[in-house]
Amino acid sequence: MDRLDAMSVLLAVADAGSLSAASRQVGAPLSTVSRKISDLEALLGTRLFIRSSRKILLTEAGQSYVAACKRILADVEEAERAASGEYSAPRGDLVVTAPVVFGRLHVLPLVNEFLSTYPEIDIRLVLADRVVHLVDDHVDVALRIGALLDSSFVAIRLGDIRRVVCGSPAYFEEHGVPGTPQALSSHACVTFDGLSSPANWTFGSGRAQETVAVHSRLVVNTAEAAIDAAAAGLGVTRVLSYQVAAATRAGQLEIVLADFEPEPWQVSLVHAGQGPLPIKLRAFLDFAAPRLRADLARAGM
């Protein structure tokens, strides 16, 4: 019996929840999958699964053995990658994910430069405003904005991003500049509903946190639309500092109520960090982290 192959089949069965689904997953006949599981159970002298007409469940021994098999196969994979030279030269594929706007403005230019520097590395860049799971979605490194939900991952802090209120100079000239959050009640607002409620905006933090009612003349589902509407003079909007950096530099928008902003959100590069890092990932982290820190500092975020 090829024990490593049998372990791989066991993991497929545990993940798929049935022998037939596992056979499709590994591309082997159902009889072969069933035989490999039976061979493992015979070798171990214990049952790994409780079989029913619809699905199979791991026994207590099966749960422990599956966890051990995952560790063993991961160690074997790492050893093979090291022996093949992946740890001696930066080559191979990387999957990187980031939020859409931040990724387009800051990560994509960095990736272009990285690919020019490392011609033997290919990257798949996934831009999404949802949390892409590192392990389940086979992602090597993620740029995260905000609190980190999984403490088992390794995070490299890059800086902070503010939630800012801004409007066009022409709008403020006509309607006045709000000096306090409460003053927004007399202003037209443009709400990006991915960040704030159309009816209430929150300011400050901790015991000083307060929520004020706002009148949203326009509610949009992208930060770009909110910024364009505010720059056109429709009203004030609230977005993230990096999203509005270009418009403020160009004089199209002015940030107000800076003293009342909520706590900034942390920006991090996150990776699983289990075992020695492949050189391709280490090369990307060493290349990306200082450049992204400089971008955040330069933008005053």
C-alpha atoms as a PDB file:
ATOM      1  CA  MET A   1       0.000   0.000   0.000  1.00  0.00           C
ATOM      2  CA  ASP A   2       1.217   3.471  -0.914  1.00  0.00           C
ATOM      3  CA  ARG A   3       0.587   5.029   2.472  1.00  0.00           C
ATOM      4  CA  LEU A   4       0.942   8.679   1.368  1.00  0.00           C
ATOM      5  CA  ASP A   5      -1.458   8.102  -1.510  1.00  0.00           C
ATOM      6  CA  ALA A   6      -3.925   6.451   0.855  1.00  0.00           C
ATOM      7  CA  MET A   7      -3.629   9.423   3.216  1.00  0.00           C
ATOM      8  CA  SER A   8      -4.419  11.790   0.335  1.00  0.00           C
ATOM      9  CA  VAL A   9      -7.509   9.741  -0.518  1.00  0.00           C
ATOM     10  CA  LEU A  10      -8.528   9.754   3.162  1.00  0.00           C
ATOM     11  CA  LEU A  11      -8.352  13.564   3.246  1.00  0.00           C
ATOM     12  CA  ALA A  12     -10.416  13.761   0.060  1.00  0.00           C
ATOM     13  CA  VAL A  13     -13.105  11.551   1.603  1.00  0.00           C
ATOM     14  CA  ALA A  14     -13.099  13.594   4.826  1.00  0.00           C
ATOM     15  CA  ASP A  15     -13.419  16.861   2.892  1.00  0.00           C
ATOM     16  CA  ALA A  16     -16.022  15.604   0.397  1.00  0.00           C
ATOM     17  CA  GLY A  17     -18.158  13.776   2.965  1.00  0.00           C
ATOM     18  CA  SER A  18     -18.735  10.693   0.815  1.00  0.00           C
ATOM     19  CA  LEU A  19     -16.775   8.044  -1.052  1.00  0.00           C
ATOM     20  CA  SER A  20     -18.434   8.833  -4.396  1.00  0.00           C
ATOM     21  CA  ALA A  21     -17.696  12.572  -4.132  1.00  0.00           C
ATOM     22  CA  ALA A  22     -14.101  11.797  -3.168  1.00  0.00           C
ATOM     23  CA  SER A  23     -13.701   9.456  -6.144  1.00  0.00           C
ATOM     24  CA  ARG A  24     -14.760  12.264  -8.468  1.00  0.00           C
ATOM     25  CA  GLN A  25     -12.428  14.674  -6.687  1.00  0.00           C
ATOM     26  CA  VAL A  26      -9.330  12.460  -6.980  1.00  0.00           C
ATOM     27  CA  GLY A  27     -10.277  10.998 -10.373  1.00  0.00           C
ATOM     28  CA  ALA A  28     -10.228   7.389  -9.186  1.00  0.00           C
ATOM     29  CA  PRO A  29     -12.886   4.638  -9.345  1.00  0.00           C
ATOM     30  CA  LEU A  30     -15.178   4.344  -6.339  1.00  0.00           C
ATOM     31  CA  SER A  31     -13.923   0.815  -5.690  1.00  0.00           C
ATOM     32  CA  THR A  32     -10.327   2.088  -5.509  1.00  0.00           C
ATOM     33  CA  VAL A  33     -11.246   4.798  -3.017  1.00  0.00           C
ATOM     34  CA  SER A  34     -13.177   2.335  -0.857  1.00  0.00           C
ATOM     35  CA  ARG A  35     -10.300  -0.168  -0.944  1.00  0.00           C
ATOM     36  CA  LYS A  36      -7.697   2.418   0.115  1.00  0.00           C
ATOM     37  CA  ILE A  37      -9.831   3.439   3.108  1.00  0.00           C
ATOM     38  CA  SER A  38     -10.339  -0.218   4.055  1.00  0.00           C
ATOM     39  CA  ASP A  39      -6.596  -0.850   3.764  1.00  0.00           C
ATOM     40  CA  LEU A  40      -5.857   2.058   6.101  1.00  0.00           C
ATOM     41  CA  GLU A  41      -8.420   0.832   8.627  1.00  0.00           C
ATOM     42  CA  ALA A  42      -6.916  -2.650   8.476  1.00  0.00           C
ATOM     43  CA  LEU A  43      -3.412  -1.238   8.968  1.00  0.00           C
ATOM     44  CA  LEU A  44      -4.498   0.851  11.950  1.00  0.00           C
ATOM     45  CA  GLY A  45      -6.832  -1.767  13.418  1.00  0.00           C
ATOM     46  CA  THR A  46      -9.636   0.741  13.901  1.00  0.00           C
ATOM     47  CA  ARG A  47     -12.553   2.279  12.044  1.00  0.00           C
ATOM     48  CA  LEU A  48     -11.962   5.740  10.607  1.00  0.00           C
ATOM     49  CA  PHE A  49     -15.493   6.384   9.341  1.00  0.00           C
ATOM     50  CA  ILE A  50     -19.065   5.606  10.310  1.00  0.00           C
ATOM     51  CA  ARG A  51     -20.843   4.834   7.048  1.00  0.00           C
ATOM     52  CA  SER A  52     -24.523   5.523   6.357  1.00  0.00           C
ATOM     53  CA  SER A  53     -26.634   5.391   3.204  1.00  0.00           C
ATOM     54  CA  ARG A  54     -26.082   9.079   2.447  1.00  0.00           C
ATOM     55  CA  LYS A  55     -22.777  10.151   3.988  1.00  0.00           C
ATOM     56  CA  ILE A  56     -19.905   9.091   6.158  1.00  0.00           C
ATOM     57  CA  LEU A  57     -18.727  10.632   9.409  1.00  0.00           C
ATOM     58  CA  LEU A  58     -15.295  10.504  10.990  1.00  0.00           C
ATOM     59  CA  THR A  59     -14.924   8.517  14.173  1.00  0.00           C
ATOM     60  CA  GLU A  60     -12.940  10.024  17.034  1.00  0.00           C
ATOM     61  CA  ALA A  61      -9.900   8.008  15.911  1.00  0.00           C
ATOM     62  CA  GLY A  62     -10.557   9.133  12.355  1.00  0.00           C
ATOM     63  CA  GLN A  63     -10.566  12.788  13.350  1.00  0.00           C
ATOM     64  CA  SER A  64      -7.190  12.464  15.072  1.00  0.00           C
ATOM     65  CA  TYR A  65      -5.713  10.507  12.171  1.00  0.00           C
ATOM     66  CA  VAL A  66      -6.972  12.981   9.550  1.00  0.00           C
ATOM     67  CA  ALA A  67      -5.373  15.871  11.476  1.00  0.00           C
ATOM     68  CA  ALA A  68      -2.082  13.944  11.608  1.00  0.00           C
ATOM     69  CA  CYS A  69      -2.291  13.121   7.884  1.00  0.00           C
ATOM     70  CA  LYS A  70      -2.702  16.817   7.049  1.00  0.00           C
ATOM     71  CA  ARG A  71       0.482  17.643   8.957  1.00  0.00           C
ATOM     72  CA  ILE A  72       2.413  14.764   7.398  1.00  0.00           C
ATOM     73  CA  LEU A  73       1.402  15.586   3.825  1.00  0.00           C
ATOM     74  CA  ALA A  74       2.147  19.272   4.369  1.00  0.00           C
ATOM     75  CA  ASP A  75       5.637  18.386   5.614  1.00  0.00           C
ATOM     76  CA  VAL A  76       6.207  16.133   2.596  1.00  0.00           C
ATOM     77  CA  GLU A  77       5.099  18.901   0.236  1.00  0.00           C
ATOM     78  CA  GLU A  78       7.475  21.363   1.901  1.00  0.00           C
ATOM     79  CA  ALA A  79      10.340  18.887   1.621  1.00  0.00           C
ATOM     80  CA  GLU A  80       9.656  18.314  -2.061  1.00  0.00           C
ATOM     81  CA  ARG A  81       9.506  22.035  -2.757  1.00  0.00           C
ATOM     82  CA  ALA A  82      12.801  22.564  -0.949  1.00  0.00           C
ATOM     83  CA  ALA A  83      14.457  19.708  -2.832  1.00  0.00           C
ATOM     84  CA  SER A  84      13.180  21.015  -6.188  1.00  0.00           C
ATOM     85  CA  GLY A  85      14.934  24.334  -5.584  1.00  0.00           C
ATOM     86  CA  GLU A  86      11.958  26.573  -4.887  1.00  0.00           C
ATOM     87  CA  TYR A  87      13.689  27.779  -1.721  1.00  0.00           C
ATOM     88  CA  SER A  88      16.932  28.552  -3.541  1.00  0.00           C
ATOM     89  CA  ALA A  89      15.554  30.767  -6.334  1.00  0.00           C
ATOM     90  CA  PRO A  90      12.464  32.980  -6.524  1.00  0.00           C
ATOM     91  CA  ARG A  91      10.254  31.197  -9.019  1.00  0.00           C
ATOM     92  CA  GLY A  92       6.722  29.850  -9.274  1.00  0.00           C
ATOM     93  CA  ASP A  93       3.179  31.168  -8.897  1.00  0.00           C
ATOM     94  CA  LEU A  94       1.777  33.554  -6.280  1.00  0.00           C
ATOM     95  CA  VAL A  95      -1.842  34.435  -5.530  1.00  0.00           C
ATOM     96  CA  VAL A  96      -2.308  37.928  -4.060  1.00  0.00           C
ATOM     97  CA  THR A  97      -5.580  39.544  -3.002  1.00  0.00           C
ATOM     98  CA  ALA A  98      -6.503  43.132  -2.076  1.00  0.00           C
ATOM     99  CA  PRO A  99      -9.565  45.406  -1.900  1.00  0.00           C
ATOM    100  CA  VAL A 100     -10.632  46.679  -5.326  1.00  0.00           C
ATOM    101  CA  VAL A 101      -9.734  50.383  -5.186  1.00  0.00           C
ATOM    102  CA  PHE A 102      -6.634  50.019  -3.016  1.00  0.00           C
ATOM    103  CA  GLY A 103      -5.509  47.146  -5.193  1.00  0.00           C
ATOM    104  CA  ARG A 104      -5.936  49.116  -8.405  1.00  0.00           C
ATOM    105  CA  LEU A 105      -4.232  52.238  -7.067  1.00  0.00           C
ATOM    106  CA  HIS A 106      -1.400  50.746  -5.014  1.00  0.00           C
ATOM    107  CA  VAL A 107      -1.024  46.969  -5.372  1.00  0.00           C
ATOM    108  CA  LEU A 108      -1.272  46.635  -9.161  1.00  0.00           C
ATOM    109  CA  PRO A 109       1.557  49.138  -9.889  1.00  0.00           C
ATOM    110  CA  LEU A 110       3.688  47.358  -7.302  1.00  0.00           C
ATOM    111  CA  VAL A 111       2.918  43.961  -8.862  1.00  0.00           C
ATOM    112  CA  ASN A 112       3.899  45.265 -12.296  1.00  0.00           C
ATOM    113  CA  GLU A 113       7.258  46.392 -10.914  1.00  0.00           C
ATOM    114  CA  PHE A 114       7.736  43.119  -9.018  1.00  0.00           C
ATOM    115  CA  LEU A 115       7.103  41.008 -12.133  1.00  0.00           C
ATOM    116  CA  SER A 116       9.703  43.010 -14.019  1.00  0.00           C
ATOM    117  CA  THR A 117      12.203  42.378 -11.231  1.00  0.00           C
ATOM    118  CA  TYR A 118      11.410  38.652 -10.862  1.00  0.00           C
ATOM    119  CA  PRO A 119      10.785  37.227 -14.342  1.00  0.00           C
ATOM    120  CA  GLU A 120      10.393  33.638 -13.072  1.00  0.00           C
ATOM    121  CA  ILE A 121       7.443  34.469 -10.790  1.00  0.00           C
ATOM    122  CA  ASP A 122       3.857  34.688 -12.066  1.00  0.00           C
ATOM    123  CA  ILE A 123       1.072  36.352 -10.043  1.00  0.00           C
ATOM    124  CA  ARG A 124      -2.689  36.004  -9.979  1.00  0.00           C
ATOM    125  CA  LEU A 125      -4.084  39.221  -8.476  1.00  0.00           C
ATOM    126  CA  VAL A 126      -7.582  38.914  -6.997  1.00  0.00           C
ATOM    127  CA  LEU A 127      -9.218  42.301  -6.351  1.00  0.00           C
ATOM    128  CA  ALA A 128     -12.331  41.892  -4.209  1.00  0.00           C
ATOM    129  CA  ASP A 129     -14.110  43.886  -1.511  1.00  0.00           C
ATOM    130  CA  ARG A 130     -14.860  40.689   0.403  1.00  0.00           C
ATOM    131  CA  VAL A 131     -12.538  38.814   2.711  1.00  0.00           C
ATOM    132  CA  VAL A 132     -10.873  36.153   0.557  1.00  0.00           C
ATOM    133  CA  HIS A 133      -9.846  33.226   2.783  1.00  0.00           C
ATOM    134  CA  LEU A 134      -6.142  32.479   2.562  1.00  0.00           C
ATOM    135  CA  VAL A 135      -6.323  28.720   3.061  1.00  0.00           C
ATOM    136  CA  ASP A 136      -9.666  27.829   1.457  1.00  0.00           C
ATOM    137  CA  ASP A 137      -9.020  30.004  -1.616  1.00  0.00           C
ATOM    138  CA  HIS A 138      -5.321  29.065  -1.892  1.00  0.00           C
ATOM    139  CA  VAL A 139      -4.102  32.648  -1.448  1.00  0.00           C
ATOM    140  CA  ASP A 140      -0.440  33.282  -0.616  1.00  0.00           C
ATOM    141  CA  VAL A 141      -0.742  36.847   0.695  1.00  0.00           C
ATOM    142  CA  ALA A 142      -3.609  39.265   1.312  1.00  0.00           C
ATOM    143  CA  LEU A 143      -3.718  42.993   1.888  1.00  0.00           C
ATOM    144  CA  ARG A 144      -6.223  43.602   4.678  1.00  0.00           C
ATOM    145  CA  ILE A 145      -7.771  46.881   5.803  1.00  0.00           C
ATOM    146  CA  GLY A 146      -9.249  46.858   9.299  1.00  0.00           C
ATOM    147  CA  ALA A 147      -9.216  44.452  12.228  1.00  0.00           C
ATOM    148  CA  LEU A 148      -7.705  41.033  11.566  1.00  0.00           C
ATOM    149  CA  LEU A 149     -10.183  38.262  12.295  1.00  0.00           C
ATOM    150  CA  ASP A 150      -7.805  35.271  12.336  1.00  0.00           C
ATOM    151  CA  SER A 151      -4.955  35.593  14.842  1.00  0.00           C
ATOM    152  CA  SER A 152      -3.293  32.405  13.537  1.00  0.00           C
ATOM    153  CA  PHE A 153      -2.052  34.266  10.450  1.00  0.00           C
ATOM    154  CA  VAL A 154       1.100  36.385  10.298  1.00  0.00           C
ATOM    155  CA  ALA A 155       0.472  40.113   9.753  1.00  0.00           C
ATOM    156  CA  ILE A 156       2.966  42.734   8.590  1.00  0.00           C
ATOM    157  CA  ARG A 157       1.676  46.171   9.555  1.00  0.00           C
ATOM    158  CA  LEU A 158       2.001  48.792   6.821  1.00  0.00           C
ATOM    159  CA  GLY A 159       0.209  51.816   8.250  1.00  0.00           C
ATOM    160  CA  ASP A 160      -3.265  53.174   8.829  1.00  0.00           C
ATOM    161  CA  ILE A 161      -6.182  54.446   6.769  1.00  0.00           C
ATOM    162  CA  ARG A 162      -8.595  57.136   7.927  1.00  0.00           C
ATOM    163  CA  ARG A 163     -12.323  57.502   7.353  1.00  0.00           C
ATOM    164  CA  VAL A 164     -12.633  61.079   6.129  1.00  0.00           C
ATOM    165  CA  VAL A 165     -15.410  63.544   5.365  1.00  0.00           C
ATOM    166  CA  CYS A 166     -14.843  65.796   2.378  1.00  0.00           C
ATOM    167  CA  GLY A 167     -16.534  68.107  -0.114  1.00  0.00           C
ATOM    168  CA  SER A 168     -15.661  70.363  -3.003  1.00  0.00           C
ATOM    169  CA  PRO A 169     -14.335  73.919  -2.437  1.00  0.00           C
ATOM    170  CA  ALA A 170     -17.298  75.268  -4.437  1.00  0.00           C
ATOM    171  CA  TYR A 171     -19.800  73.422  -2.232  1.00  0.00           C
ATOM    172  CA  PHE A 172     -18.191  74.715   0.973  1.00  0.00           C
ATOM    173  CA  GLU A 173     -18.066  78.241  -0.409  1.00  0.00           C
ATOM    174  CA  GLU A 174     -21.810  78.134  -1.027  1.00  0.00           C
ATOM    175  CA  HIS A 175     -22.955  76.162   2.018  1.00  0.00           C
ATOM    176  CA  GLY A 176     -20.214  76.759   4.583  1.00  0.00           C
ATOM    177  CA  VAL A 177     -17.746  74.365   6.179  1.00  0.00           C
ATOM    178  CA  PRO A 178     -19.183  72.108   8.935  1.00  0.00           C
ATOM    179  CA  GLY A 179     -17.265  72.709  12.152  1.00  0.00           C
ATOM    180  CA  THR A 180     -18.740  69.788  14.097  1.00  0.00           C
ATOM    181  CA  PRO A 181     -20.391  66.500  13.130  1.00  0.00           C
ATOM    182  CA  GLN A 182     -23.754  67.895  14.314  1.00  0.00           C
ATOM    183  CA  ALA A 183     -23.487  70.600  11.643  1.00  0.00           C
ATOM    184  CA  LEU A 184     -23.902  67.939   8.968  1.00  0.00           C
ATOM    185  CA  SER A 185     -27.643  68.012   9.639  1.00  0.00           C
ATOM    186  CA  SER A 186     -27.828  71.139   7.507  1.00  0.00           C
ATOM    187  CA  HIS A 187     -25.741  69.732   4.653  1.00  0.00           C
ATOM    188  CA  ALA A 188     -26.512  67.509   1.698  1.00  0.00           C
ATOM    189  CA  CYS A 189     -24.611  64.217   1.986  1.00  0.00           C
ATOM    190  CA  VAL A 190     -23.481  61.596  -0.492  1.00  0.00           C
ATOM    191  CA  THR A 191     -23.214  58.198   1.200  1.00  0.00           C
ATOM    192  CA  PHE A 192     -21.064  55.316   0.047  1.00  0.00           C
ATOM    193  CA  ASP A 193     -23.132  52.506   1.519  1.00  0.00           C
ATOM    194  CA  GLY A 194     -20.155  50.178   1.723  1.00  0.00           C
ATOM    195  CA  LEU A 195     -18.753  52.389   4.488  1.00  0.00           C
ATOM    196  CA  SER A 196     -21.561  54.318   6.222  1.00  0.00           C
ATOM    197  CA  SER A 197     -25.281  54.238   6.851  1.00  0.00           C
ATOM    198  CA  PRO A 198     -27.361  56.588   4.660  1.00  0.00           C
ATOM    199  CA  ALA A 199     -29.107  57.878   7.793  1.00  0.00           C
ATOM    200  CA  ASN A 200     -26.362  58.063  10.428  1.00  0.00           C
ATOM    201  CA  TRP A 201     -22.608  58.638  10.454  1.00  0.00           C
ATOM    202  CA  THR A 202     -20.471  57.774  13.490  1.00  0.00           C
ATOM    203  CA  PHE A 203     -17.567  59.916  14.727  1.00  0.00           C
ATOM    204  CA  GLY A 204     -14.934  59.625  17.458  1.00  0.00           C
ATOM    205  CA  SER A 205     -14.139  56.441  19.329  1.00  0.00           C
ATOM    206  CA  GLY A 206     -14.569  54.815  22.719  1.00  0.00           C
ATOM    207  CA  ARG A 207     -16.578  56.897  25.167  1.00  0.00           C
ATOM    208  CA  ALA A 208     -16.264  59.898  22.862  1.00  0.00           C
ATOM    209  CA  GLN A 209     -18.028  58.098  20.025  1.00  0.00           C
ATOM    210  CA  GLU A 210     -21.208  59.723  18.777  1.00  0.00           C
ATOM    211  CA  THR A 211     -23.662  59.067  15.971  1.00  0.00           C
ATOM    212  CA  VAL A 212     -25.218  61.967  14.075  1.00  0.00           C
ATOM    213  CA  ALA A 213     -28.175  61.969  11.711  1.00  0.00           C
ATOM    214  CA  VAL A 214     -27.441  62.928   8.101  1.00  0.00           C
ATOM    215  CA  HIS A 215     -29.567  63.591   5.034  1.00  0.00           C
ATOM    216  CA  SER A 216     -28.261  61.546   2.115  1.00  0.00           C
ATOM    217  CA  ARG A 217     -29.291  63.259  -1.112  1.00  0.00           C
ATOM    218  CA  LEU A 218     -27.540  60.435  -2.946  1.00  0.00           C
ATOM    219  CA  VAL A 219     -26.607  56.893  -1.921  1.00  0.00           C
ATOM    220  CA  VAL A 220     -24.131  54.990  -4.118  1.00  0.00           C
ATOM    221  CA  ASN A 221     -22.462  51.590  -3.927  1.00  0.00           C
ATOM    222  CA  THR A 222     -18.924  52.550  -4.965  1.00  0.00           C
ATOM    223  CA  ALA A 223     -16.423  54.971  -3.498  1.00  0.00           C
ATOM    224  CA  GLU A 224     -15.589  56.323  -6.968  1.00  0.00           C
ATOM    225  CA  ALA A 225     -19.191  57.376  -7.530  1.00  0.00           C
ATOM    226  CA  ALA A 226     -19.358  59.085  -4.119  1.00  0.00           C
ATOM    227  CA  ILE A 227     -16.111  60.961  -4.813  1.00  0.00           C
ATOM    228  CA  ASP A 228     -17.246  62.052  -8.286  1.00  0.00           C
ATOM    229  CA  ALA A 229     -20.578  63.311  -6.928  1.00  0.00           C
ATOM    230  CA  ALA A 230     -18.906  65.251  -4.107  1.00  0.00           C
ATOM    231  CA  ALA A 231     -16.348  66.749  -6.511  1.00  0.00           C
ATOM    232  CA  ALA A 232     -19.255  67.878  -8.700  1.00  0.00           C
ATOM    233  CA  GLY A 233     -20.638  69.848  -5.738  1.00  0.00           C
ATOM    234  CA  LEU A 234     -23.614  67.671  -4.814  1.00  0.00           C
ATOM    235  CA  GLY A 235     -22.668  67.496  -1.132  1.00  0.00           C
ATOM    236  CA  VAL A 236     -20.204  66.109   1.395  1.00  0.00           C
ATOM    237  CA  THR A 237     -19.211  62.468   1.422  1.00  0.00           C
ATOM    238  CA  ARG A 238     -17.361  60.024   3.651  1.00  0.00           C
ATOM    239  CA  VAL A 239     -14.810  57.653   2.153  1.00  0.00           C
ATOM    240  CA  LEU A 240     -11.453  56.118   3.047  1.00  0.00           C
ATOM    241  CA  SER A 241      -8.411  58.386   2.879  1.00  0.00           C
ATOM    242  CA  TYR A 242      -6.643  56.446   0.119  1.00  0.00           C
ATOM    243  CA  GLN A 243      -9.762  56.551  -2.042  1.00  0.00           C
ATOM    244  CA  VAL A 244      -9.822  60.354  -2.022  1.00  0.00           C
ATOM    245  CA  ALA A 245      -6.078  61.071  -1.987  1.00  0.00           C
ATOM    246  CA  ALA A 246      -5.849  61.934  -5.699  1.00  0.00           C
ATOM    247  CA  ALA A 247      -8.880  64.239  -5.578  1.00  0.00           C
ATOM    248  CA  THR A 248      -7.563  66.134  -2.544  1.00  0.00           C
ATOM    249  CA  ARG A 249      -4.126  66.530  -4.125  1.00  0.00           C
ATOM    250  CA  ALA A 250      -5.803  67.925  -7.246  1.00  0.00           C
ATOM    251  CA  GLY A 251      -7.814  70.424  -5.178  1.00  0.00           C
ATOM    252  CA  GLN A 252     -11.128  68.876  -6.195  1.00  0.00           C
ATOM    253  CA  LEU A 253     -12.035  67.983  -2.610  1.00  0.00           C
ATOM    254  CA  GLU A 254     -11.182  69.242   0.870  1.00  0.00           C
ATOM    255  CA  ILE A 255     -11.192  67.119   4.030  1.00  0.00           C
ATOM    256  CA  VAL A 256     -13.169  68.494   6.976  1.00  0.00           C
ATOM    257  CA  LEU A 257     -13.938  67.345  10.530  1.00  0.00           C
ATOM    258  CA  ALA A 258     -10.493  65.747  10.863  1.00  0.00           C
ATOM    259  CA  ASP A 259     -10.547  66.204  14.652  1.00  0.00           C
ATOM    260  CA  PHE A 260     -13.675  64.052  14.910  1.00  0.00           C
ATOM    261  CA  GLU A 261     -12.616  61.091  12.775  1.00  0.00           C
ATOM    262  CA  PRO A 262     -13.014  57.539  14.139  1.00  0.00           C
ATOM    263  CA  GLU A 263      -9.953  55.476  14.981  1.00  0.00           C
ATOM    264  CA  PRO A 264      -8.018  54.711  11.790  1.00  0.00           C
ATOM    265  CA  TRP A 265      -8.067  51.223  10.333  1.00  0.00           C
ATOM    266  CA  GLN A 266      -4.884  49.166  10.255  1.00  0.00           C
ATOM    267  CA  VAL A 267      -3.451  48.124   6.869  1.00  0.00           C
ATOM    268  CA  SER A 268      -1.561  44.813   6.828  1.00  0.00           C
ATOM    269  CA  LEU A 269      -0.052  42.203   4.569  1.00  0.00           C
ATOM    270  CA  VAL A 270      -1.237  38.829   5.859  1.00  0.00           C
ATOM    271  CA  HIS A 271       0.002  35.325   5.107  1.00  0.00           C
ATOM    272  CA  ALA A 272      -0.464  31.894   6.653  1.00  0.00           C
ATOM    273  CA  GLY A 273       3.163  31.723   7.808  1.00  0.00           C
ATOM    274  CA  GLN A 274       3.197  27.978   8.492  1.00  0.00           C
ATOM    275  CA  GLY A 275       6.720  26.566   8.235  1.00  0.00           C
ATOM    276  CA  PRO A 276       9.562  28.026   6.168  1.00  0.00           C
ATOM    277  CA  LEU A 277       8.380  30.655   3.702  1.00  0.00           C
ATOM    278  CA  PRO A 278       8.939  29.848   0.030  1.00  0.00           C
ATOM    279  CA  ILE A 279      11.483  32.250  -1.410  1.00  0.00           C
ATOM    280  CA  LYS A 280       8.916  33.536  -3.921  1.00  0.00           C
ATOM    281  CA  LEU A 281       6.672  34.664  -1.043  1.00  0.00           C
ATOM    282  CA  ARG A 282       9.563  36.090   0.975  1.00  0.00           C
ATOM    283  CA  ALA A 283      10.719  37.987  -2.121  1.00  0.00           C
ATOM    284  CA  PHE A 284       7.240  39.482  -2.572  1.00  0.00           C
ATOM    285  CA  LEU A 285       6.877  40.461   1.094  1.00  0.00           C
ATOM    286  CA  ASP A 286      10.337  42.063   1.172  1.00  0.00           C
ATOM    287  CA  PHE A 287       9.563  43.915  -2.060  1.00  0.00           C
ATOM    288  CA  ALA A 288       5.987  44.988  -1.266  1.00  0.00           C
ATOM    289  CA  ALA A 289       6.053  45.959   2.424  1.00  0.00           C
ATOM    290  CA  PRO A 290       8.435  48.960   2.278  1.00  0.00           C
ATOM    291  CA  ARG A 291       6.840  50.288  -0.908  1.00  0.00           C
ATOM    292  CA  LEU A 292       3.321  50.096   0.487  1.00  0.00           C
ATOM    293  CA  ARG A 293       4.463  51.734   3.746  1.00  0.00           C
ATOM    294  CA  ALA A 294       5.953  54.567   1.706  1.00  0.00           C
ATOM    295  CA  ASP A 295       2.744  54.904  -0.343  1.00  0.00           C
ATOM    296  CA  LEU A 296       0.632  55.152   2.805  1.00  0.00           C
ATOM    297  CA  ALA A 297       2.990  57.672   4.422  1.00  0.00           C
ATOM    298  CA  ARG A 298       3.226  59.753   1.252  1.00  0.00           C
ATOM    299  CA  ALA A 299      -0.543  59.931   0.937  1.00  0.00           C
ATOM    300  CA  GLY A 300      -0.820  61.051   4.562  1.00  0.00           C
ATOM    301  CA  MET A 301      -3.162  58.217   5.364  1.00  0.00           C
END
